[in-house]
Amino acid sequence: MIPIDSDIALDEAEIEESFIRASGPGGQNVNKVASAVQLRFDIERSPSLSEPVRQRLRRLAGKRATEDGVLVIMAQRFRSQARNREDALDRLVALIRRAAEPPRPRRPTRPTSGSRERRLADKARQAERKRTRGRVEPN
């Protein structure tokens, strides 16, 4: 089990990893060793997530989620496969943690009296400017 927070823990079976050749650093190994990690996590079918967390995670994932609701994380920052695996898993956990915290409710506010006065003064100035436009009477 991979702990996310006090309420959520992911089962390792929910995460699918595949290893591919990475572009970027790797020296002589770059064309021989599959050091990049492609981590796949099915958001829609995960029993570990509640529906609100699932919806927030889908929204946070953006282009990283497929139409089927599968989150795909690519990790190829490091030269070693183990560090890339760790990086991909850390990024998945961080994303789920962000989705797990509920958004703060918006508290409605009112404009300050100063901003209200400035708005009305600007409005009066604009009205005066438009009122003085027009035809000029010939003398």
Protein backbone atom coordinates (compact mmCIF):
# COMPACT_ATOMS: atom_id res chain seq x y z
CA MET A 1 0.00 0.00 0.00
CA ILE A 2 1.17 3.48 -0.89
CA PRO A 3 0.02 6.02 1.72
CA ILE A 4 -1.32 9.29 0.32
CA ASP A 5 -2.86 10.85 3.44
CA SER A 6 -4.73 9.66 6.53
CA ASP A 7 -7.78 8.61 4.48
CA ILE A 8 -6.31 7.46 1.16
CA ALA A 9 -3.87 4.65 0.41
CA LEU A 10 -3.25 3.20 -3.05
CA ASP A 11 -2.74 -0.48 -3.74
CA GLU A 12 0.35 -1.22 -5.85
CA ALA A 13 -1.85 -3.29 -8.19
CA GLU A 14 -3.70 -0.11 -9.25
CA ILE A 15 -0.51 1.31 -10.77
CA GLU A 16 0.86 -0.01 -14.04
CA GLU A 17 4.45 0.77 -14.99
CA SER A 18 6.13 0.29 -18.34
CA PHE A 19 9.71 1.10 -19.20
CA ILE A 20 10.77 2.76 -22.44
CA ARG A 21 13.90 4.31 -23.86
CA ALA A 22 14.40 7.85 -22.67
CA SER A 23 15.54 10.84 -24.60
CA GLY A 24 18.02 13.09 -22.89
CA PRO A 25 20.84 12.17 -20.49
CA GLY A 26 22.15 8.63 -20.30
CA GLY A 27 25.56 8.59 -21.94
CA GLN A 28 26.38 5.29 -23.65
CA ASN A 29 23.28 3.67 -22.19
CA VAL A 30 20.77 6.05 -23.78
CA ASN A 31 20.17 3.81 -26.82
CA LYS A 32 20.38 0.48 -24.96
CA VAL A 33 18.58 0.78 -21.63
CA ALA A 34 14.89 1.46 -21.11
CA SER A 35 15.30 3.91 -18.25
CA ALA A 36 12.19 6.09 -18.77
CA VAL A 37 9.06 5.16 -16.85
CA GLN A 38 5.49 5.48 -18.06
CA LEU A 39 3.19 5.18 -15.05
CA ARG A 40 -0.51 4.56 -15.67
CA PHE A 41 -3.19 4.99 -12.99
CA ASP A 42 -6.88 4.38 -13.74
CA ILE A 43 -8.71 7.24 -12.04
CA GLU A 44 -12.19 5.97 -12.97
CA ARG A 45 -11.79 2.42 -11.63
CA SER A 46 -9.72 3.11 -8.53
CA PRO A 47 -11.50 1.88 -5.37
CA SER A 48 -9.17 4.00 -3.21
CA LEU A 49 -10.60 7.36 -4.32
CA SER A 50 -13.89 8.95 -3.33
CA GLU A 51 -15.99 10.58 -6.05
CA PRO A 52 -15.11 14.23 -5.15
CA VAL A 53 -11.37 13.39 -5.10
CA ARG A 54 -11.77 11.53 -8.41
CA GLN A 55 -13.40 14.58 -10.03
CA ARG A 56 -10.74 16.98 -8.72
CA LEU A 57 -7.95 14.62 -9.84
CA ARG A 58 -9.46 14.38 -13.32
CA ARG A 59 -9.52 18.19 -13.53
CA LEU A 60 -5.95 18.55 -12.16
CA ALA A 61 -4.59 15.88 -14.52
CA GLY A 62 -5.62 17.86 -17.59
CA LYS A 63 -3.86 16.56 -20.70
CA ARG A 64 -2.12 13.82 -18.72
CA ALA A 65 -5.43 11.93 -18.47
CA THR A 66 -6.80 9.96 -21.41
CA GLU A 67 -10.46 9.98 -22.48
CA ASP A 68 -10.91 6.68 -20.61
CA GLY A 69 -9.85 8.36 -17.36
CA VAL A 70 -6.35 6.86 -17.19
CA LEU A 71 -3.68 9.17 -15.78
CA VAL A 72 -0.34 8.79 -17.62
CA ILE A 73 2.83 10.14 -16.01
CA MET A 74 6.13 10.07 -17.93
CA ALA A 75 9.37 10.22 -15.96
CA GLN A 76 12.71 10.45 -17.76
CA ARG A 77 14.48 13.13 -15.79
CA PHE A 78 17.16 10.81 -14.38
CA ARG A 79 19.59 8.35 -15.92
CA SER A 80 18.57 5.39 -13.77
CA GLN A 81 15.33 3.49 -14.07
CA ALA A 82 14.94 3.26 -10.28
CA ARG A 83 15.12 7.05 -9.80
CA ASN A 84 12.67 7.61 -12.65
CA ARG A 85 10.26 5.10 -11.06
CA GLU A 86 10.55 6.94 -7.77
CA ASP A 87 10.04 10.31 -9.51
CA ALA A 88 6.90 9.11 -11.33
CA LEU A 89 5.43 7.67 -8.12
CA ASP A 90 6.23 10.87 -6.18
CA ARG A 91 4.50 12.96 -8.84
CA LEU A 92 1.42 10.70 -8.74
CA VAL A 93 1.24 10.92 -4.93
CA ALA A 94 1.66 14.73 -5.03
CA LEU A 95 -1.14 15.04 -7.61
CA ILE A 96 -3.51 12.88 -5.57
CA ARG A 97 -2.65 14.83 -2.39
CA ARG A 98 -3.56 18.09 -4.17
CA ALA A 99 -6.84 16.54 -5.33
CA ALA A 100 -7.58 15.21 -1.83
CA GLU A 101 -7.71 18.61 -0.17
CA PRO A 102 -11.15 20.16 -0.69
CA PRO A 103 -11.25 23.64 -2.20
CA ARG A 104 -11.84 26.51 0.21
CA PRO A 105 -15.34 27.91 -0.09
CA ARG A 106 -15.54 31.39 -1.56
CA ARG A 107 -16.61 34.03 0.92
CA PRO A 108 -18.53 36.78 -0.83
CA THR A 109 -17.07 40.24 -0.31
CA ARG A 110 -18.28 43.77 -0.94
CA PRO A 111 -16.39 46.56 -2.68
CA THR A 112 -14.79 49.05 -0.29
CA SER A 113 -16.30 52.50 0.03
CA GLY A 114 -13.17 54.04 -1.50
CA SER A 115 -13.36 51.83 -4.59
CA ARG A 116 -17.07 52.60 -4.91
CA GLU A 117 -16.36 56.35 -4.77
CA ARG A 118 -13.54 56.07 -7.33
CA ARG A 119 -15.80 54.12 -9.69
CA LEU A 120 -18.57 56.72 -9.43
CA ALA A 121 -16.07 59.60 -9.90
CA ASP A 122 -14.66 57.92 -13.04
CA LYS A 123 -18.18 57.33 -14.28
CA ALA A 124 -19.09 61.01 -13.76
CA ARG A 125 -15.87 62.13 -15.50
CA GLN A 126 -16.61 59.85 -18.48
CA ALA A 127 -20.22 61.13 -18.66
CA GLU A 128 -18.99 64.75 -18.63
CA ARG A 129 -16.48 64.00 -21.39
CA LYS A 130 -19.20 62.50 -23.58
CA ARG A 131 -21.67 65.27 -22.78
CA THR A 132 -19.24 67.97 -23.99
CA ARG A 133 -18.77 66.20 -27.32
CA GLY A 134 -20.99 67.12 -30.22
CA ARG A 135 -21.54 69.81 -32.80
CA VAL A 136 -20.00 73.21 -32.33
CA GLU A 137 -22.37 76.12 -33.06
CA PRO A 138 -20.97 78.51 -35.67
CA ASN A 139 -20.58 82.14 -34.48
